[in-house]
């Protein structure tokens, strides 16, 4: 069990060491349910979306996302592409406009 805990802490530290963590999501996602899970939001027991900043995952900084956000290194963007369209040229202009800020 200790080994899993050590791996988790290492993963968290790796995430916290990122220069930027960019999350892209779409309300039109046909793969993820809820689509907001692409930005670490979740359903509650009544199927209401819990935004990232209201989750225990975030508020207890279990993955390091709060630490990144506190340092302005966590970036969340919404597109109007479906999940699979994110790899197609139809979405490239939207993605380019997002990613060019971080290159």
PDB file of N, CA and C in Angstrom:
ATOM      1  N   UNK A   1       0.808  -1.189   0.000  1.00  0.00           N
ATOM      2  CA  UNK A   1       0.000   0.000   0.000  1.00  0.00           C
ATOM      3  C   UNK A   1       0.861   1.268   0.000  1.00  0.00           C
ATOM      4  N   UNK A   2       1.939   1.233   0.739  1.00  0.00           N
ATOM      5  CA  UNK A   2       2.814   2.396   0.805  1.00  0.00           C
ATOM      6  C   UNK A   2       3.334   2.768  -0.579  1.00  0.00           C
ATOM      7  N   UNK A   3       3.624   1.778  -1.394  1.00  0.00           N
ATOM      8  CA  UNK A   3       4.147   2.039  -2.718  1.00  0.00           C
ATOM      9  C   UNK A   3       3.138   2.831  -3.550  1.00  0.00           C
ATOM     10  N   UNK A   4       1.851   2.484  -3.494  1.00  0.00           N
ATOM     11  CA  UNK A   4       0.826   3.226  -4.222  1.00  0.00           C
ATOM     12  C   UNK A   4       0.764   4.668  -3.753  1.00  0.00           C
ATOM     13  N   UNK A   5       0.867   4.879  -2.446  1.00  0.00           N
ATOM     14  CA  UNK A   5       0.836   6.223  -1.887  1.00  0.00           C
ATOM     15  C   UNK A   5       2.037   7.034  -2.394  1.00  0.00           C
ATOM     16  N   UNK A   6       3.202   6.394  -2.446  1.00  0.00           N
ATOM     17  CA  UNK A   6       4.398   7.071  -2.949  1.00  0.00           C
ATOM     18  C   UNK A   6       4.228   7.436  -4.416  1.00  0.00           C
ATOM     19  N   UNK A   7       3.659   6.529  -5.215  1.00  0.00           N
ATOM     20  CA  UNK A   7       3.421   6.818  -6.626  1.00  0.00           C
ATOM     21  C   UNK A   7       2.451   7.973  -6.797  1.00  0.00           C
ATOM     22  N   UNK A   8       1.399   7.982  -5.970  1.00  0.00           N
ATOM     23  CA  UNK A   8       0.420   9.062  -6.037  1.00  0.00           C
ATOM     24  C   UNK A   8       1.078  10.401  -5.716  1.00  0.00           C
ATOM     25  N   UNK A   9       1.884  10.434  -4.670  1.00  0.00           N
ATOM     26  CA  UNK A   9       2.576  11.679  -4.312  1.00  0.00           C
ATOM     27  C   UNK A   9       3.520  12.128  -5.405  1.00  0.00           C
ATOM     28  N   UNK A  10       4.179  11.178  -6.043  1.00  0.00           N
ATOM     29  CA  UNK A  10       5.084  11.526  -7.147  1.00  0.00           C
ATOM     30  C   UNK A  10       4.291  12.103  -8.316  1.00  0.00           C
ATOM     31  N   UNK A  11       3.155  11.501  -8.628  1.00  0.00           N
ATOM     32  CA  UNK A  11       2.308  12.017  -9.710  1.00  0.00           C
ATOM     33  C   UNK A  11       1.823  13.425  -9.392  1.00  0.00           C
ATOM     34  N   UNK A  12       1.414  13.636  -8.149  1.00  0.00           N
ATOM     35  CA  UNK A  12       0.960  14.961  -7.741  1.00  0.00           C
ATOM     36  C   UNK A  12       2.093  15.971  -7.880  1.00  0.00           C
ATOM     37  N   UNK A  13       3.275  15.624  -7.437  1.00  0.00           N
ATOM     38  CA  UNK A  13       4.410  16.539  -7.544  1.00  0.00           C
ATOM     39  C   UNK A  13       4.765  16.804  -9.005  1.00  0.00           C
ATOM     40  N   UNK A  14       4.654  15.782  -9.851  1.00  0.00           N
ATOM     41  CA  UNK A  14       4.903  15.974 -11.282  1.00  0.00           C
ATOM     42  C   UNK A  14       3.899  16.955 -11.875  1.00  0.00           C
ATOM     43  N   UNK A  15       2.633  16.817 -11.498  1.00  0.00           N
ATOM     44  CA  UNK A  15       1.604  17.741 -11.996  1.00  0.00           C
ATOM     45  C   UNK A  15       1.897  19.156 -11.502  1.00  0.00           C
ATOM     46  N   UNK A  16       2.233  19.285 -10.237  1.00  0.00           N
ATOM     47  CA  UNK A  16       2.510  20.607  -9.671  1.00  0.00           C
ATOM     48  C   UNK A  16       3.728  21.268 -10.308  1.00  0.00           C
ATOM     49  N   UNK A  17       4.615  20.480 -10.897  1.00  0.00           N
ATOM     50  CA  UNK A  17       5.826  21.036 -11.497  1.00  0.00           C
ATOM     51  C   UNK A  17       5.617  21.510 -12.939  1.00  0.00           C
ATOM     52  N   UNK A  18       4.427  21.288 -13.482  1.00  0.00           N
ATOM     53  CA  UNK A  18       4.167  21.703 -14.859  1.00  0.00           C
ATOM     54  C   UNK A  18       4.247  23.221 -15.008  1.00  0.00           C
ATOM     55  N   UNK A  19       4.704  23.650 -16.155  1.00  0.00           N
ATOM     56  CA  UNK A  19       4.711  25.082 -16.464  1.00  0.00           C
ATOM     57  C   UNK A  19       3.278  25.564 -16.673  1.00  0.00           C
ATOM     58  N   UNK A  20       2.494  24.777 -17.394  1.00  0.00           N
ATOM     59  CA  UNK A  20       1.078  25.049 -17.615  1.00  0.00           C
ATOM     60  C   UNK A  20       0.345  23.731 -17.774  1.00  0.00           C
ATOM     61  N   UNK A  21      -0.873  23.674 -17.274  1.00  0.00           N
ATOM     62  CA  UNK A  21      -1.760  22.532 -17.466  1.00  0.00           C
ATOM     63  C   UNK A  21      -2.984  23.087 -18.192  1.00  0.00           C
ATOM     64  N   UNK A  22      -3.150  22.684 -19.441  1.00  0.00           N
ATOM     65  CA  UNK A  22      -4.215  23.212 -20.285  1.00  0.00           C
ATOM     66  C   UNK A  22      -5.260  22.129 -20.484  1.00  0.00           C
ATOM     67  N   UNK A  23      -6.475  22.428 -20.070  1.00  0.00           N
ATOM     68  CA  UNK A  23      -7.586  21.492 -20.247  1.00  0.00           C
ATOM     69  C   UNK A  23      -8.529  22.066 -21.296  1.00  0.00           C
ATOM     70  N   UNK A  24      -8.867  21.229 -22.253  1.00  0.00           N
ATOM     71  CA  UNK A  24      -9.792  21.592 -23.318  1.00  0.00           C
ATOM     72  C   UNK A  24     -11.027  20.717 -23.166  1.00  0.00           C
ATOM     73  N   UNK A  25     -12.188  21.318 -23.186  1.00  0.00           N
ATOM     74  CA  UNK A  25     -13.410  20.529 -23.087  1.00  0.00           C
ATOM     75  C   UNK A  25     -14.471  21.127 -24.002  1.00  0.00           C
ATOM     76  N   UNK A  26     -15.508  20.349 -24.217  1.00  0.00           N
ATOM     77  CA  UNK A  26     -16.594  20.802 -25.080  1.00  0.00           C
ATOM     78  C   UNK A  26     -17.929  20.324 -24.539  1.00  0.00           C
ATOM     79  N   UNK A  27     -18.922  21.191 -24.502  1.00  0.00           N
ATOM     80  CA  UNK A  27     -20.258  20.755 -24.094  1.00  0.00           C
ATOM     81  C   UNK A  27     -20.877  19.792 -25.115  1.00  0.00           C
ATOM     82  N   UNK A  28     -20.253  19.688 -26.276  1.00  0.00           N
ATOM     83  CA  UNK A  28     -20.751  18.814 -27.335  1.00  0.00           C
ATOM     84  C   UNK A  28     -20.043  17.462 -27.362  1.00  0.00           C
ATOM     85  N   UNK A  29     -19.264  17.179 -26.339  1.00  0.00           N
ATOM     86  CA  UNK A  29     -18.515  15.926 -26.266  1.00  0.00           C
ATOM     87  C   UNK A  29     -19.483  14.745 -26.267  1.00  0.00           C
ATOM     88  N   UNK A  30     -19.261  13.818 -27.166  1.00  0.00           N
ATOM     89  CA  UNK A  30     -20.120  12.635 -27.272  1.00  0.00           C
ATOM     90  C   UNK A  30     -19.480  11.397 -26.637  1.00  0.00           C
ATOM     91  N   UNK A  31     -18.294  11.542 -26.071  1.00  0.00           N
ATOM     92  CA  UNK A  31     -17.566  10.435 -25.461  1.00  0.00           C
ATOM     93  C   UNK A  31     -17.615  10.518 -23.936  1.00  0.00           C
ATOM     94  N   UNK A  32     -17.287  11.661 -23.387  1.00  0.00           N
ATOM     95  CA  UNK A  32     -17.233  11.837 -21.935  1.00  0.00           C
ATOM     96  C   UNK A  32     -18.616  12.168 -21.377  1.00  0.00           C
ATOM     97  N   UNK A  33     -18.896  11.608 -20.211  1.00  0.00           N
ATOM     98  CA  UNK A  33     -20.165  11.873 -19.558  1.00  0.00           C
ATOM     99  C   UNK A  33     -19.922  12.078 -18.072  1.00  0.00           C
ATOM    100  N   UNK A  34     -20.147  13.247 -17.576  1.00  0.00           N
ATOM    101  CA  UNK A  34     -20.578  14.459 -18.267  1.00  0.00           C
ATOM    102  C   UNK A  34     -19.414  15.061 -19.058  1.00  0.00           C
ATOM    103  N   UNK A  35     -19.719  15.841 -20.072  1.00  0.00           N
ATOM    104  CA  UNK A  35     -18.635  16.468 -20.838  1.00  0.00           C
ATOM    105  C   UNK A  35     -17.701  17.291 -19.950  1.00  0.00           C
ATOM    106  N   UNK A  36     -18.243  17.847 -18.878  1.00  0.00           N
ATOM    107  CA  UNK A  36     -17.450  18.663 -17.962  1.00  0.00           C
ATOM    108  C   UNK A  36     -16.387  17.865 -17.221  1.00  0.00           C
ATOM    109  N   UNK A  37     -16.457  16.538 -17.291  1.00  0.00           N
ATOM    110  CA  UNK A  37     -15.416  15.745 -16.634  1.00  0.00           C
ATOM    111  C   UNK A  37     -14.053  15.975 -17.290  1.00  0.00           C
ATOM    112  N   UNK A  38     -14.038  16.490 -18.511  1.00  0.00           N
ATOM    113  CA  UNK A  38     -12.776  16.835 -19.166  1.00  0.00           C
ATOM    114  C   UNK A  38     -12.066  17.969 -18.441  1.00  0.00           C
ATOM    115  N   UNK A  39     -12.789  18.699 -17.619  1.00  0.00           N
ATOM    116  CA  UNK A  39     -12.191  19.753 -16.803  1.00  0.00           C
ATOM    117  C   UNK A  39     -12.282  19.386 -15.314  1.00  0.00           C
ATOM    118  N   UNK A  40     -12.345  18.085 -15.027  1.00  0.00           N
ATOM    119  CA  UNK A  40     -12.388  17.546 -13.671  1.00  0.00           C
ATOM    120  C   UNK A  40     -13.615  17.985 -12.879  1.00  0.00           C
ATOM    121  N   UNK A  41     -14.716  18.239 -13.567  1.00  0.00           N
ATOM    122  CA  UNK A  41     -15.994  18.449 -12.895  1.00  0.00           C
ATOM    123  C   UNK A  41     -16.707  17.107 -12.872  1.00  0.00           C
ATOM    124  N   UNK A  42     -17.622  16.930 -11.927  1.00  0.00           N
ATOM    125  CA  UNK A  42     -18.265  15.637 -11.730  1.00  0.00           C
ATOM    126  C   UNK A  42     -19.753  15.798 -11.478  1.00  0.00           C
ATOM    127  N   UNK A  43     -20.477  14.684 -11.618  1.00  0.00           N
ATOM    128  CA  UNK A  43     -21.864  14.636 -11.183  1.00  0.00           C
ATOM    129  C   UNK A  43     -21.905  14.414  -9.676  1.00  0.00           C
ATOM    130  N   UNK A  44     -22.914  14.999  -9.030  1.00  0.00           N
ATOM    131  CA  UNK A  44     -23.199  14.590  -7.661  1.00  0.00           C
ATOM    132  C   UNK A  44     -24.259  13.496  -7.706  1.00  0.00           C
ATOM    133  N   UNK A  45     -24.768  13.098  -6.566  1.00  0.00           N
ATOM    134  CA  UNK A  45     -25.731  11.984  -6.527  1.00  0.00           C
ATOM    135  C   UNK A  45     -27.028  12.310  -7.262  1.00  0.00           C
ATOM    136  N   UNK A  46     -27.330  13.596  -7.468  1.00  0.00           N
ATOM    137  CA  UNK A  46     -28.545  14.011  -8.179  1.00  0.00           C
ATOM    138  C   UNK A  46     -28.274  14.363  -9.637  1.00  0.00           C
ATOM    139  N   UNK A  47     -27.092  14.024 -10.129  1.00  0.00           N
ATOM    140  CA  UNK A  47     -26.671  14.314 -11.503  1.00  0.00           C
ATOM    141  C   UNK A  47     -26.570  15.809 -11.800  1.00  0.00           C
ATOM    142  N   UNK A  48     -26.237  16.564 -10.775  1.00  0.00           N
ATOM    143  CA  UNK A  48     -25.929  17.974 -10.939  1.00  0.00           C
ATOM    144  C   UNK A  48     -24.417  18.080 -11.065  1.00  0.00           C
ATOM    145  N   UNK A  49     -23.956  18.910 -11.963  1.00  0.00           N
ATOM    146  CA  UNK A  49     -22.518  19.066 -12.166  1.00  0.00           C
ATOM    147  C   UNK A  49     -21.899  19.820 -10.994  1.00  0.00           C
ATOM    148  N   UNK A  50     -20.848  19.242 -10.444  1.00  0.00           N
ATOM    149  CA  UNK A  50     -20.052  19.914  -9.418  1.00  0.00           C
ATOM    150  C   UNK A  50     -18.838  20.511 -10.135  1.00  0.00           C
ATOM    151  N   UNK A  51     -18.728  21.831 -10.184  1.00  0.00           N
ATOM    152  CA  UNK A  51     -17.574  22.445 -10.853  1.00  0.00           C
ATOM    153  C   UNK A  51     -16.271  22.076 -10.146  1.00  0.00           C
ATOM    154  N   UNK A  52     -15.200  22.078 -10.892  1.00  0.00           N
ATOM    155  CA  UNK A  52     -13.889  21.709 -10.360  1.00  0.00           C
ATOM    156  C   UNK A  52     -13.599  22.395  -9.030  1.00  0.00           C
ATOM    157  N   UNK A  53     -13.791  23.696  -8.964  1.00  0.00           N
ATOM    158  CA  UNK A  53     -13.407  24.426  -7.747  1.00  0.00           C
ATOM    159  C   UNK A  53     -14.291  24.128  -6.543  1.00  0.00           C
ATOM    160  N   UNK A  54     -15.326  23.330  -6.722  1.00  0.00           N
ATOM    161  CA  UNK A  54     -16.194  22.922  -5.608  1.00  0.00           C
ATOM    162  C   UNK A  54     -15.966  21.457  -5.216  1.00  0.00           C
ATOM    163  N   UNK A  55     -15.042  20.781  -5.885  1.00  0.00           N
ATOM    164  CA  UNK A  55     -14.794  19.362  -5.606  1.00  0.00           C
ATOM    165  C   UNK A  55     -13.766  19.195  -4.493  1.00  0.00           C
ATOM    166  N   UNK A  56     -13.850  18.056  -3.801  1.00  0.00           N
ATOM    167  CA  UNK A  56     -12.839  17.722  -2.797  1.00  0.00           C
ATOM    168  C   UNK A  56     -11.481  17.530  -3.467  1.00  0.00           C
ATOM    169  N   UNK A  57     -11.493  16.966  -4.670  1.00  0.00           N
ATOM    170  CA  UNK A  57     -10.267  16.749  -5.435  1.00  0.00           C
ATOM    171  C   UNK A  57      -9.481  18.045  -5.551  1.00  0.00           C
ATOM    172  N   UNK A  58     -10.180  19.119  -5.837  1.00  0.00           N
ATOM    173  CA  UNK A  58      -9.546  20.431  -6.001  1.00  0.00           C
ATOM    174  C   UNK A  58      -9.241  21.071  -4.647  1.00  0.00           C
ATOM    175  N   UNK A  59     -10.230  21.160  -3.792  1.00  0.00           N
ATOM    176  CA  UNK A  59     -10.075  21.888  -2.533  1.00  0.00           C
ATOM    177  C   UNK A  59      -9.088  21.238  -1.570  1.00  0.00           C
ATOM    178  N   UNK A  60      -8.902  19.931  -1.666  1.00  0.00           N
ATOM    179  CA  UNK A  60      -7.886  19.248  -0.862  1.00  0.00           C
ATOM    180  C   UNK A  60      -6.586  19.090  -1.642  1.00  0.00           C
ATOM    181  N   UNK A  61      -6.567  19.640  -2.833  1.00  0.00           N
ATOM    182  CA  UNK A  61      -5.399  19.635  -3.722  1.00  0.00           C
ATOM    183  C   UNK A  61      -4.817  18.240  -3.916  1.00  0.00           C
ATOM    184  N   UNK A  62      -5.703  17.277  -4.128  1.00  0.00           N
ATOM    185  CA  UNK A  62      -5.271  15.883  -4.214  1.00  0.00           C
ATOM    186  C   UNK A  62      -4.416  15.591  -5.443  1.00  0.00           C
ATOM    187  N   UNK A  63      -4.620  16.327  -6.526  1.00  0.00           N
ATOM    188  CA  UNK A  63      -3.803  16.129  -7.732  1.00  0.00           C
ATOM    189  C   UNK A  63      -2.826  17.277  -7.986  1.00  0.00           C
ATOM    190  N   UNK A  64      -2.920  18.328  -7.198  1.00  0.00           N
ATOM    191  CA  UNK A  64      -2.064  19.493  -7.420  1.00  0.00           C
ATOM    192  C   UNK A  64      -2.708  20.550  -8.294  1.00  0.00           C
ATOM    193  N   UNK A  65      -3.980  20.351  -8.669  1.00  0.00           N
ATOM    194  CA  UNK A  65      -4.647  21.308  -9.553  1.00  0.00           C
ATOM    195  C   UNK A  65      -4.852  22.664  -8.881  1.00  0.00           C
ATOM    196  N   UNK A  66      -5.184  22.655  -7.601  1.00  0.00           N
ATOM    197  CA  UNK A  66      -5.362  23.920  -6.875  1.00  0.00           C
ATOM    198  C   UNK A  66      -4.036  24.666  -6.801  1.00  0.00           C
ATOM    199  N   UNK A  67      -2.963  23.952  -6.530  1.00  0.00           N
ATOM    200  CA  UNK A  67      -1.633  24.576  -6.495  1.00  0.00           C
ATOM    201  C   UNK A  67      -1.307  25.223  -7.830  1.00  0.00           C
ATOM    202  N   UNK A  68      -1.597  24.511  -8.917  1.00  0.00           N
ATOM    203  CA  UNK A  68      -1.358  25.083 -10.247  1.00  0.00           C
ATOM    204  C   UNK A  68      -2.213  26.322 -10.463  1.00  0.00           C
ATOM    205  N   UNK A  69      -3.480  26.238 -10.098  1.00  0.00           N
ATOM    206  CA  UNK A  69      -4.379  27.369 -10.296  1.00  0.00           C
ATOM    207  C   UNK A  69      -3.934  28.576  -9.466  1.00  0.00           C
ATOM    208  N   UNK A  70      -3.496  28.334  -8.248  1.00  0.00           N
ATOM    209  CA  UNK A  70      -3.028  29.424  -7.394  1.00  0.00           C
ATOM    210  C   UNK A  70      -1.826  30.144  -8.010  1.00  0.00           C
ATOM    211  N   UNK A  71      -1.098  29.453  -8.879  1.00  0.00           N
ATOM    212  CA  UNK A  71       0.075  30.042  -9.542  1.00  0.00           C
ATOM    213  C   UNK A  71      -0.241  30.454 -10.990  1.00  0.00           C
ATOM    214  N   UNK A  72      -1.537  30.489 -11.334  1.00  0.00           N
ATOM    215  CA  UNK A  72      -1.985  30.844 -12.693  1.00  0.00           C
ATOM    216  C   UNK A  72      -1.387  29.926 -13.761  1.00  0.00           C
ATOM    217  N   UNK A  73      -1.263  28.640 -13.427  1.00  0.00           N
ATOM    218  CA  UNK A  73      -0.727  27.654 -14.357  1.00  0.00           C
ATOM    219  C   UNK A  73      -1.788  26.656 -14.814  1.00  0.00           C
ATOM    220  N   UNK A  74      -3.007  26.777 -14.312  1.00  0.00           N
ATOM    221  CA  UNK A  74      -4.110  25.905 -14.711  1.00  0.00           C
ATOM    222  C   UNK A  74      -5.020  26.714 -15.626  1.00  0.00           C
ATOM    223  N   UNK A  75      -5.241  26.186 -16.835  1.00  0.00           N
ATOM    224  CA  UNK A  75      -6.015  26.911 -17.842  1.00  0.00           C
ATOM    225  C   UNK A  75      -7.083  25.982 -18.408  1.00  0.00           C
ATOM    226  N   UNK A  76      -8.314  26.446 -18.395  1.00  0.00           N
ATOM    227  CA  UNK A  76      -9.434  25.639 -18.882  1.00  0.00           C
ATOM    228  C   UNK A  76     -10.109  26.397 -20.015  1.00  0.00           C
ATOM    229  N   UNK A  77     -10.264  25.699 -21.147  1.00  0.00           N
ATOM    230  CA  UNK A  77     -10.874  26.299 -22.317  1.00  0.00           C
ATOM    231  C   UNK A  77     -12.000  25.408 -22.833  1.00  0.00           C
ATOM    232  N   UNK A  78     -13.030  26.061 -23.311  1.00  0.00           N
ATOM    233  CA  UNK A  78     -14.165  25.357 -23.900  1.00  0.00           C
ATOM    234  C   UNK A  78     -14.159  25.601 -25.403  1.00  0.00           C
ATOM    235  N   UNK A  79     -14.401  24.542 -26.167  1.00  0.00           N
ATOM    236  CA  UNK A  79     -14.520  24.671 -27.617  1.00  0.00           C
ATOM    237  C   UNK A  79     -15.924  24.238 -28.027  1.00  0.00           C
ATOM    238  N   UNK A  80     -16.233  24.437 -29.285  1.00  0.00           N
ATOM    239  CA  UNK A  80     -17.520  23.963 -29.789  1.00  0.00           C
ATOM    240  C   UNK A  80     -17.355  22.733 -30.678  1.00  0.00           C
ATOM    241  N   UNK A  81     -16.260  22.025 -30.509  1.00  0.00           N
ATOM    242  CA  UNK A  81     -15.995  20.799 -31.252  1.00  0.00           C
ATOM    243  C   UNK A  81     -16.437  19.593 -30.435  1.00  0.00           C
ATOM    244  N   UNK A  82     -16.742  18.518 -31.113  1.00  0.00           N
ATOM    245  CA  UNK A  82     -17.015  17.273 -30.408  1.00  0.00           C
ATOM    246  C   UNK A  82     -15.678  16.672 -29.960  1.00  0.00           C
ATOM    247  N   UNK A  83     -15.751  15.622 -29.180  1.00  0.00           N
ATOM    248  CA  UNK A  83     -14.545  14.954 -28.684  1.00  0.00           C
ATOM    249  C   UNK A  83     -13.636  14.546 -29.842  1.00  0.00           C
ATOM    250  N   UNK A  84     -14.189  13.878 -30.818  1.00  0.00           N
ATOM    251  CA  UNK A  84     -13.378  13.374 -31.925  1.00  0.00           C
ATOM    252  C   UNK A  84     -12.957  14.473 -32.896  1.00  0.00           C
ATOM    253  N   UNK A  85     -13.699  15.558 -32.964  1.00  0.00           N
ATOM    254  CA  UNK A  85     -13.318  16.652 -33.864  1.00  0.00           C
ATOM    255  C   UNK A  85     -12.062  17.375 -33.403  1.00  0.00           C
ATOM    256  N   UNK A  86     -11.692  17.225 -32.143  1.00  0.00           N
ATOM    257  CA  UNK A  86     -10.488  17.901 -31.659  1.00  0.00           C
ATOM    258  C   UNK A  86      -9.229  17.442 -32.395  1.00  0.00           C
ATOM    259  N   UNK A  87      -9.291  16.320 -33.051  1.00  0.00           N
ATOM    260  CA  UNK A  87      -8.120  15.861 -33.813  1.00  0.00           C
ATOM    261  C   UNK A  87      -8.259  16.133 -35.310  1.00  0.00           C
ATOM    262  N   UNK A  88      -9.328  16.789 -35.702  1.00  0.00           N
ATOM    263  CA  UNK A  88      -9.586  17.069 -37.114  1.00  0.00           C
ATOM    264  C   UNK A  88      -9.309  18.536 -37.449  1.00  0.00           C
ATOM    265  N   UNK A  89      -8.930  18.788 -38.689  1.00  0.00           N
ATOM    266  CA  UNK A  89      -8.628  20.166 -39.097  1.00  0.00           C
ATOM    267  C   UNK A  89      -9.749  21.168 -38.824  1.00  0.00           C
ATOM    268  N   UNK A  90     -10.981  20.726 -38.755  1.00  0.00           N
ATOM    269  CA  UNK A  90     -12.083  21.656 -38.498  1.00  0.00           C
ATOM    270  C   UNK A  90     -11.913  22.386 -37.161  1.00  0.00           C
ATOM    271  N   UNK A  91     -11.246  21.759 -36.215  1.00  0.00           N
ATOM    272  CA  UNK A  91     -11.043  22.361 -34.884  1.00  0.00           C
ATOM    273  C   UNK A  91      -9.692  23.038 -34.722  1.00  0.00           C
ATOM    274  N   UNK A  92      -8.807  22.837 -35.640  1.00  0.00           N
ATOM    275  CA  UNK A  92      -7.449  23.348 -35.481  1.00  0.00           C
ATOM    276  C   UNK A  92      -7.385  24.852 -35.224  1.00  0.00           C
ATOM    277  N   UNK A  93      -8.212  25.684 -35.912  1.00  0.00           N
ATOM    278  CA  UNK A  93      -8.132  27.124 -35.619  1.00  0.00           C
ATOM    279  C   UNK A  93      -8.443  27.442 -34.149  1.00  0.00           C
ATOM    280  N   UNK A  94      -9.441  26.804 -33.586  1.00  0.00           N
ATOM    281  CA  UNK A  94      -9.763  27.033 -32.177  1.00  0.00           C
ATOM    282  C   UNK A  94      -8.615  26.583 -31.279  1.00  0.00           C
ATOM    283  N   UNK A  95      -8.093  25.406 -31.555  1.00  0.00           N
ATOM    284  CA  UNK A  95      -7.010  24.869 -30.736  1.00  0.00           C
ATOM    285  C   UNK A  95      -5.743  25.703 -30.880  1.00  0.00           C
ATOM    286  N   UNK A  96      -5.472  26.143 -32.086  1.00  0.00           N
ATOM    287  CA  UNK A  96      -4.293  26.980 -32.316  1.00  0.00           C
ATOM    288  C   UNK A  96      -4.382  28.263 -31.483  1.00  0.00           C
ATOM    289  N   UNK A  97      -5.546  28.890 -31.486  1.00  0.00           N
ATOM    290  CA  UNK A  97      -5.706  30.133 -30.742  1.00  0.00           C
ATOM    291  C   UNK A  97      -5.521  29.923 -29.228  1.00  0.00           C
ATOM    292  N   UNK A  98      -5.809  28.746 -28.767  1.00  0.00           N
ATOM    293  CA  UNK A  98      -5.590  28.422 -27.356  1.00  0.00           C
ATOM    294  C   UNK A  98      -4.111  28.151 -27.100  1.00  0.00           C
ATOM    295  N   UNK A  99      -3.556  27.208 -27.862  1.00  0.00           N
ATOM    296  CA  UNK A  99      -2.200  26.749 -27.578  1.00  0.00           C
ATOM    297  C   UNK A  99      -1.104  27.746 -27.917  1.00  0.00           C
ATOM    298  N   UNK A 100      -1.345  28.641 -28.877  1.00  0.00           N
ATOM    299  CA  UNK A 100      -0.281  29.575 -29.260  1.00  0.00           C
ATOM    300  C   UNK A 100       0.154  30.470 -28.096  1.00  0.00           C
ATOM    301  N   UNK A 101      -0.727  30.630 -27.125  1.00  0.00           N
ATOM    302  CA  UNK A 101      -0.394  31.447 -25.960  1.00  0.00           C
ATOM    303  C   UNK A 101       0.675  30.802 -25.078  1.00  0.00           C
ATOM    304  N   UNK A 102       0.842  29.489 -25.243  1.00  0.00           N
ATOM    305  CA  UNK A 102       1.720  28.745 -24.338  1.00  0.00           C
ATOM    306  C   UNK A 102       2.954  28.183 -25.033  1.00  0.00           C
ATOM    307  N   UNK A 103       3.119  28.506 -26.297  1.00  0.00           N
ATOM    308  CA  UNK A 103       4.288  28.004 -27.038  1.00  0.00           C
ATOM    309  C   UNK A 103       5.457  28.947 -26.919  1.00  0.00           C
TER     310      UNK A 103
END
